[in-house]
Amino acid sequence: MLPRILPFTALFAAATLALPALAQQPPSHDHVRPAFSQPIPNIPGKSLIAAVVHYAPGESSPSHRHAPSAFVYAYVLSGAIRSQVDDQPVRVYKAGESWYEDPGAHHRVSGNASKTEPASLLAILVADTGDMPLTIPDPE
């Protein structure tokens, strides 16, 4: 089953409201830039967190999971991102496309689908406030 594509505008509107609060967590990789982290006032104990992930041509991230409470929504800003979540097929998402990861999902493949052009995505997480680290690489 392919991942469901969620409307980006609703999540982007919520994320934009929280932009004044900058993320407090340092990036887990050099290509990850925190955008913001904001507690959600009407959902006690939950926070909305966002980061922009930049991939150079051919670059990828190690296989990983996210914090156990994290629901992740990814929106491709530019280029094309190759992704595989859990046992779903590997798929290439182009600018304007999106996917999500349920809490506990295994992000097996994540990287730039192009060897010549850069790519970037906006990752938005809803997680328990203080649930760290947000990204947990698979053991080697």
N, C-alpha and C. Protein backbone atom coordinates (compact mmCIF):
# COMPACT_ATOMS: atom_id res chain seq x y z
N MET A 1 0.84 -1.18 0.00
CA MET A 1 0.00 0.00 0.00
C MET A 1 0.88 1.25 0.00
N LEU A 2 0.60 2.20 -0.89
CA LEU A 2 1.35 3.43 -0.95
C LEU A 2 0.93 4.36 0.17
N PRO A 3 1.85 5.22 0.63
CA PRO A 3 1.49 6.15 1.71
C PRO A 3 0.40 7.12 1.24
N ARG A 4 -0.47 7.48 2.13
CA ARG A 4 -1.50 8.46 1.83
C ARG A 4 -0.85 9.83 1.73
N ILE A 5 -1.35 10.65 0.83
CA ILE A 5 -0.85 12.00 0.70
C ILE A 5 -1.83 12.92 1.41
N LEU A 6 -1.31 13.70 2.35
CA LEU A 6 -2.13 14.59 3.16
C LEU A 6 -2.11 15.99 2.58
N PRO A 7 -3.18 16.78 2.81
CA PRO A 7 -3.16 18.16 2.33
C PRO A 7 -2.06 18.94 3.04
N PHE A 8 -1.18 19.55 2.26
CA PHE A 8 -0.06 20.29 2.82
C PHE A 8 -0.51 21.61 3.43
N THR A 9 -1.52 22.23 2.86
CA THR A 9 -1.90 23.57 3.30
C THR A 9 -2.28 23.61 4.77
N ALA A 10 -2.98 22.61 5.27
CA ALA A 10 -3.38 22.62 6.68
C ALA A 10 -2.16 22.54 7.60
N LEU A 11 -1.23 21.64 7.29
CA LEU A 11 -0.03 21.54 8.12
C LEU A 11 0.87 22.75 7.96
N PHE A 12 0.96 23.30 6.74
CA PHE A 12 1.79 24.47 6.54
C PHE A 12 1.22 25.65 7.31
N ALA A 13 -0.10 25.82 7.31
CA ALA A 13 -0.71 26.91 8.07
C ALA A 13 -0.38 26.78 9.55
N ALA A 14 -0.50 25.58 10.09
CA ALA A 14 -0.18 25.37 11.51
C ALA A 14 1.30 25.63 11.77
N ALA A 15 2.15 25.19 10.87
CA ALA A 15 3.58 25.39 11.05
C ALA A 15 3.94 26.86 10.98
N THR A 16 3.34 27.61 10.08
CA THR A 16 3.64 29.02 9.93
C THR A 16 3.31 29.80 11.20
N LEU A 17 2.25 29.43 11.89
CA LEU A 17 1.88 30.12 13.12
C LEU A 17 2.95 29.97 14.19
N ALA A 18 3.74 28.89 14.12
CA ALA A 18 4.74 28.63 15.15
C ALA A 18 6.13 29.11 14.77
N LEU A 19 6.33 29.73 13.62
CA LEU A 19 7.66 30.12 13.17
C LEU A 19 8.45 31.01 14.13
N PRO A 20 7.85 31.89 14.92
CA PRO A 20 8.67 32.73 15.79
C PRO A 20 9.52 31.95 16.79
N ALA A 21 9.09 30.77 17.18
CA ALA A 21 9.88 30.00 18.15
C ALA A 21 10.86 29.11 17.39
N LEU A 22 12.14 29.42 17.48
CA LEU A 22 13.15 28.62 16.77
C LEU A 22 13.39 27.31 17.48
N ALA A 23 13.74 26.30 16.72
CA ALA A 23 13.98 24.98 17.29
C ALA A 23 15.16 25.02 18.25
N GLN A 24 15.05 24.27 19.33
CA GLN A 24 16.09 24.23 20.34
C GLN A 24 17.01 23.03 20.16
N GLN A 25 16.60 22.04 19.37
CA GLN A 25 17.41 20.84 19.20
C GLN A 25 18.46 21.07 18.12
N PRO A 26 19.71 20.72 18.39
CA PRO A 26 20.72 20.85 17.34
C PRO A 26 20.44 19.85 16.22
N PRO A 27 20.85 20.16 15.00
CA PRO A 27 20.60 19.24 13.89
C PRO A 27 21.33 17.92 14.11
N SER A 28 20.68 16.82 13.66
CA SER A 28 21.29 15.51 13.82
C SER A 28 22.29 15.22 12.70
N HIS A 29 22.20 15.94 11.60
CA HIS A 29 23.12 15.80 10.48
C HIS A 29 23.44 17.20 9.98
N ASP A 30 24.55 17.35 9.28
CA ASP A 30 24.92 18.66 8.75
C ASP A 30 23.89 19.19 7.78
N HIS A 31 23.13 18.32 7.13
CA HIS A 31 22.18 18.76 6.12
C HIS A 31 20.78 19.01 6.70
N VAL A 32 20.60 18.97 8.01
CA VAL A 32 19.31 19.22 8.64
C VAL A 32 19.36 20.56 9.36
N ARG A 33 18.43 21.46 9.02
CA ARG A 33 18.36 22.78 9.65
C ARG A 33 17.04 22.92 10.39
N PRO A 34 17.07 22.96 11.73
CA PRO A 34 15.83 23.13 12.48
C PRO A 34 15.14 24.44 12.08
N ALA A 35 13.82 24.41 11.97
CA ALA A 35 13.06 25.61 11.62
C ALA A 35 12.33 26.16 12.84
N PHE A 36 11.67 25.28 13.59
CA PHE A 36 10.99 25.72 14.81
C PHE A 36 10.58 24.54 15.66
N SER A 37 10.26 24.83 16.90
CA SER A 37 9.69 23.86 17.83
C SER A 37 8.75 24.63 18.73
N GLN A 38 7.48 24.22 18.78
CA GLN A 38 6.48 24.97 19.52
C GLN A 38 5.50 24.02 20.19
N PRO A 39 5.33 24.12 21.51
CA PRO A 39 4.27 23.34 22.15
C PRO A 39 2.92 23.69 21.52
N ILE A 40 2.05 22.69 21.41
CA ILE A 40 0.71 22.91 20.85
C ILE A 40 -0.22 23.23 22.02
N PRO A 41 -0.72 24.47 22.11
CA PRO A 41 -1.46 24.89 23.29
C PRO A 41 -2.73 24.09 23.57
N ASN A 42 -3.41 23.63 22.53
CA ASN A 42 -4.66 22.91 22.76
C ASN A 42 -4.49 21.39 22.78
N ILE A 43 -3.24 20.93 22.76
CA ILE A 43 -2.94 19.49 22.90
C ILE A 43 -1.82 19.38 23.94
N PRO A 44 -2.16 19.41 25.22
CA PRO A 44 -1.13 19.37 26.26
C PRO A 44 -0.17 18.20 26.08
N GLY A 45 1.12 18.50 26.24
CA GLY A 45 2.14 17.47 26.15
C GLY A 45 2.65 17.20 24.75
N LYS A 46 2.10 17.87 23.73
CA LYS A 46 2.54 17.67 22.34
C LYS A 46 3.19 18.94 21.81
N SER A 47 4.15 18.76 20.90
CA SER A 47 4.81 19.88 20.25
C SER A 47 4.79 19.69 18.75
N LEU A 48 4.82 20.81 18.03
CA LEU A 48 4.95 20.83 16.58
C LEU A 48 6.38 21.25 16.28
N ILE A 49 7.10 20.43 15.52
CA ILE A 49 8.52 20.63 15.27
C ILE A 49 8.74 20.54 13.76
N ALA A 50 9.60 21.40 13.25
CA ALA A 50 9.89 21.35 11.81
C ALA A 50 11.37 21.53 11.56
N ALA A 51 11.82 20.93 10.48
CA ALA A 51 13.21 21.06 10.03
C ALA A 51 13.23 20.97 8.51
N VAL A 52 14.19 21.67 7.92
CA VAL A 52 14.41 21.57 6.48
C VAL A 52 15.62 20.66 6.28
N VAL A 53 15.45 19.66 5.44
CA VAL A 53 16.51 18.69 5.15
C VAL A 53 17.00 18.96 3.73
N HIS A 54 18.29 19.27 3.61
CA HIS A 54 18.90 19.53 2.31
C HIS A 54 19.78 18.34 1.94
N TYR A 55 19.63 17.87 0.72
CA TYR A 55 20.48 16.79 0.22
C TYR A 55 21.26 17.29 -0.99
N ALA A 56 22.57 17.17 -0.94
CA ALA A 56 23.40 17.44 -2.12
C ALA A 56 23.12 16.34 -3.14
N PRO A 57 23.53 16.53 -4.39
CA PRO A 57 23.34 15.48 -5.38
C PRO A 57 23.89 14.14 -4.89
N GLY A 58 23.08 13.11 -4.96
CA GLY A 58 23.48 11.76 -4.56
C GLY A 58 23.55 11.51 -3.07
N GLU A 59 23.33 12.52 -2.23
CA GLU A 59 23.44 12.37 -0.77
C GLU A 59 22.21 11.66 -0.20
N SER A 60 22.42 10.93 0.90
CA SER A 60 21.31 10.25 1.57
C SER A 60 21.54 10.25 3.07
N SER A 61 20.50 9.88 3.79
CA SER A 61 20.57 9.75 5.25
C SER A 61 20.62 8.27 5.59
N PRO A 62 21.23 7.93 6.72
CA PRO A 62 21.21 6.52 7.13
C PRO A 62 19.78 6.09 7.47
N SER A 63 19.54 4.82 7.37
CA SER A 63 18.25 4.25 7.79
C SER A 63 18.01 4.63 9.24
N HIS A 64 16.77 5.02 9.58
CA HIS A 64 16.51 5.53 10.92
C HIS A 64 15.04 5.39 11.32
N ARG A 65 14.79 5.71 12.57
CA ARG A 65 13.44 5.86 13.12
C ARG A 65 13.41 7.23 13.76
N HIS A 66 12.20 7.65 14.12
CA HIS A 66 12.07 8.92 14.83
C HIS A 66 11.62 8.63 16.26
N ALA A 67 11.61 9.68 17.09
CA ALA A 67 11.19 9.53 18.48
C ALA A 67 9.91 8.69 18.52
N PRO A 68 9.76 7.83 19.53
CA PRO A 68 8.62 6.91 19.56
C PRO A 68 7.25 7.57 19.44
N SER A 69 7.11 8.80 19.90
CA SER A 69 5.81 9.47 19.84
C SER A 69 5.59 10.25 18.54
N ALA A 70 6.61 10.35 17.69
CA ALA A 70 6.58 11.27 16.55
C ALA A 70 5.76 10.78 15.37
N PHE A 71 4.81 11.63 14.96
CA PHE A 71 4.13 11.49 13.68
C PHE A 71 4.85 12.46 12.75
N VAL A 72 5.33 11.97 11.61
CA VAL A 72 6.16 12.77 10.71
C VAL A 72 5.42 12.99 9.40
N TYR A 73 5.43 14.25 8.95
CA TYR A 73 4.88 14.61 7.65
C TYR A 73 6.01 15.23 6.85
N ALA A 74 6.29 14.71 5.67
CA ALA A 74 7.39 15.22 4.84
C ALA A 74 6.83 15.79 3.55
N TYR A 75 7.29 16.98 3.19
CA TYR A 75 6.85 17.68 1.98
C TYR A 75 8.10 18.06 1.19
N VAL A 76 8.19 17.62 -0.06
CA VAL A 76 9.36 17.90 -0.89
C VAL A 76 9.29 19.34 -1.40
N LEU A 77 10.31 20.11 -1.03
CA LEU A 77 10.38 21.52 -1.42
C LEU A 77 11.00 21.71 -2.80
N SER A 78 12.05 20.92 -3.08
CA SER A 78 12.74 21.04 -4.37
C SER A 78 13.39 19.72 -4.73
N GLY A 79 13.57 19.51 -6.02
CA GLY A 79 14.22 18.29 -6.48
C GLY A 79 13.33 17.07 -6.32
N ALA A 80 13.97 15.94 -6.07
CA ALA A 80 13.26 14.67 -5.93
C ALA A 80 13.92 13.87 -4.81
N ILE A 81 13.10 13.30 -3.95
CA ILE A 81 13.56 12.54 -2.79
C ILE A 81 13.15 11.08 -2.95
N ARG A 82 14.12 10.21 -2.79
CA ARG A 82 13.87 8.76 -2.81
C ARG A 82 13.61 8.34 -1.38
N SER A 83 12.49 7.62 -1.14
CA SER A 83 12.09 7.28 0.22
C SER A 83 11.45 5.90 0.28
N GLN A 84 11.68 5.25 1.41
CA GLN A 84 10.98 4.00 1.72
C GLN A 84 10.69 3.99 3.21
N VAL A 85 9.43 3.82 3.56
CA VAL A 85 9.00 3.73 4.95
C VAL A 85 8.45 2.34 5.20
N ASP A 86 8.95 1.70 6.26
CA ASP A 86 8.55 0.33 6.61
C ASP A 86 8.73 -0.58 5.41
N ASP A 87 7.76 -1.41 5.10
CA ASP A 87 7.88 -2.36 4.00
C ASP A 87 7.21 -1.89 2.72
N GLN A 88 6.90 -0.59 2.66
CA GLN A 88 6.31 -0.04 1.44
C GLN A 88 7.38 -0.03 0.35
N PRO A 89 6.97 0.03 -0.91
CA PRO A 89 7.98 0.09 -1.96
C PRO A 89 8.77 1.40 -1.93
N VAL A 90 10.00 1.37 -2.43
CA VAL A 90 10.78 2.60 -2.57
C VAL A 90 10.06 3.46 -3.60
N ARG A 91 9.98 4.76 -3.29
CA ARG A 91 9.27 5.68 -4.18
C ARG A 91 10.05 6.97 -4.29
N VAL A 92 9.96 7.63 -5.43
CA VAL A 92 10.56 8.94 -5.63
C VAL A 92 9.44 9.98 -5.57
N TYR A 93 9.62 10.95 -4.66
CA TYR A 93 8.67 12.05 -4.48
C TYR A 93 9.29 13.30 -5.07
N LYS A 94 8.54 14.00 -5.91
CA LYS A 94 9.02 15.23 -6.55
C LYS A 94 8.50 16.44 -5.80
N ALA A 95 9.08 17.61 -6.09
CA ALA A 95 8.67 18.85 -5.45
C ALA A 95 7.15 18.97 -5.49
N GLY A 96 6.57 19.27 -4.32
CA GLY A 96 5.12 19.41 -4.20
C GLY A 96 4.43 18.14 -3.71
N GLU A 97 5.14 17.03 -3.66
CA GLU A 97 4.54 15.77 -3.18
C GLU A 97 4.94 15.54 -1.73
N SER A 98 4.21 14.64 -1.08
CA SER A 98 4.44 14.43 0.35
C SER A 98 4.13 13.00 0.76
N TRP A 99 4.58 12.66 1.97
CA TRP A 99 4.26 11.38 2.60
C TRP A 99 4.26 11.59 4.10
N TYR A 100 3.83 10.57 4.81
CA TYR A 100 3.88 10.64 6.27
C TYR A 100 4.42 9.34 6.83
N GLU A 101 4.86 9.43 8.08
CA GLU A 101 5.36 8.26 8.80
C GLU A 101 4.63 8.19 10.14
N ASP A 102 3.99 7.07 10.40
CA ASP A 102 3.33 6.87 11.69
C ASP A 102 4.37 6.73 12.80
N PRO A 103 3.98 7.00 14.05
CA PRO A 103 4.92 6.77 15.17
C PRO A 103 5.47 5.34 15.12
N GLY A 104 6.77 5.23 15.30
CA GLY A 104 7.42 3.92 15.29
C GLY A 104 7.82 3.42 13.91
N ALA A 105 7.50 4.18 12.86
CA ALA A 105 7.82 3.74 11.49
C ALA A 105 9.34 3.66 11.31
N HIS A 106 9.75 2.80 10.40
CA HIS A 106 11.16 2.62 10.06
C HIS A 106 11.40 3.28 8.71
N HIS A 107 12.19 4.35 8.69
CA HIS A 107 12.50 5.05 7.45
C HIS A 107 13.77 4.41 6.88
N ARG A 108 13.58 3.44 6.02
CA ARG A 108 14.67 2.61 5.50
C ARG A 108 15.53 3.33 4.46
N VAL A 109 14.89 4.14 3.59
CA VAL A 109 15.59 4.84 2.51
C VAL A 109 15.17 6.29 2.55
N SER A 110 16.15 7.21 2.52
CA SER A 110 15.86 8.64 2.46
C SER A 110 17.06 9.33 1.83
N GLY A 111 16.84 9.92 0.66
CA GLY A 111 17.96 10.59 0.02
C GLY A 111 17.55 11.26 -1.27
N ASN A 112 18.51 11.95 -1.85
CA ASN A 112 18.31 12.64 -3.10
C ASN A 112 18.24 11.61 -4.22
N ALA A 113 17.20 11.71 -5.05
CA ALA A 113 17.04 10.77 -6.16
C ALA A 113 17.94 11.14 -7.34
N SER A 114 18.51 12.35 -7.31
CA SER A 114 19.34 12.82 -8.41
C SER A 114 20.82 12.82 -8.03
N LYS A 115 21.66 12.48 -8.99
CA LYS A 115 23.11 12.55 -8.78
C LYS A 115 23.67 13.88 -9.27
N THR A 116 22.80 14.75 -9.85
CA THR A 116 23.28 16.01 -10.41
C THR A 116 22.61 17.25 -9.83
N GLU A 117 21.44 17.14 -9.22
CA GLU A 117 20.70 18.29 -8.70
C GLU A 117 20.47 18.15 -7.20
N PRO A 118 20.50 19.25 -6.44
CA PRO A 118 20.18 19.17 -5.01
C PRO A 118 18.68 18.95 -4.81
N ALA A 119 18.31 18.58 -3.59
CA ALA A 119 16.90 18.37 -3.23
C ALA A 119 16.71 18.77 -1.77
N SER A 120 15.50 19.15 -1.43
CA SER A 120 15.21 19.49 -0.04
C SER A 120 13.77 19.14 0.31
N LEU A 121 13.56 18.92 1.60
CA LEU A 121 12.22 18.62 2.08
C LEU A 121 11.99 19.31 3.41
N LEU A 122 10.73 19.55 3.71
CA LEU A 122 10.31 20.08 5.00
C LEU A 122 9.74 18.92 5.79
N ALA A 123 10.34 18.64 6.95
CA ALA A 123 9.84 17.58 7.83
C ALA A 123 9.12 18.25 8.99
N ILE A 124 7.86 17.89 9.18
CA ILE A 124 7.06 18.42 10.28
C ILE A 124 6.70 17.25 11.17
N LEU A 125 6.98 17.40 12.45
CA LEU A 125 6.71 16.33 13.41
C LEU A 125 5.74 16.82 14.48
N VAL A 126 4.83 15.96 14.86
CA VAL A 126 4.01 16.16 16.06
C VAL A 126 4.48 15.07 17.01
N ALA A 127 5.03 15.49 18.16
CA ALA A 127 5.63 14.53 19.09
C ALA A 127 5.37 14.97 20.52
N ASP A 128 5.57 14.02 21.43
CA ASP A 128 5.50 14.38 22.84
C ASP A 128 6.57 15.43 23.11
N THR A 129 6.22 16.48 23.83
CA THR A 129 7.17 17.53 24.18
C THR A 129 8.34 16.90 24.94
N GLY A 130 9.54 17.17 24.49
CA GLY A 130 10.73 16.64 25.14
C GLY A 130 11.13 15.24 24.73
N ASP A 131 10.39 14.61 23.82
CA ASP A 131 10.73 13.25 23.36
C ASP A 131 11.96 13.36 22.45
N MET A 132 13.13 13.05 22.99
CA MET A 132 14.39 13.20 22.27
C MET A 132 15.17 11.91 22.33
N PRO A 133 16.04 11.66 21.41
CA PRO A 133 16.29 12.44 20.21
C PRO A 133 15.15 12.26 19.20
N LEU A 134 15.03 13.20 18.27
CA LEU A 134 13.96 13.11 17.28
C LEU A 134 14.29 12.13 16.17
N THR A 135 15.58 11.94 15.88
CA THR A 135 16.01 10.98 14.86
C THR A 135 16.98 10.00 15.48
N ILE A 136 16.70 8.72 15.27
CA ILE A 136 17.51 7.65 15.87
C ILE A 136 18.04 6.75 14.74
N PRO A 137 19.33 6.89 14.37
CA PRO A 137 19.88 6.04 13.32
C PRO A 137 19.83 4.57 13.73
N ASP A 138 19.67 3.70 12.74
CA ASP A 138 19.71 2.26 13.00
C ASP A 138 21.10 1.89 13.51
N PRO A 139 21.17 0.90 14.40
CA PRO A 139 22.51 0.43 14.84
C PRO A 139 23.26 -0.12 13.65
N GLU A 140 24.54 0.10 13.65
CA GLU A 140 25.36 -0.41 12.52
C GLU A 140 25.73 -1.83 12.71
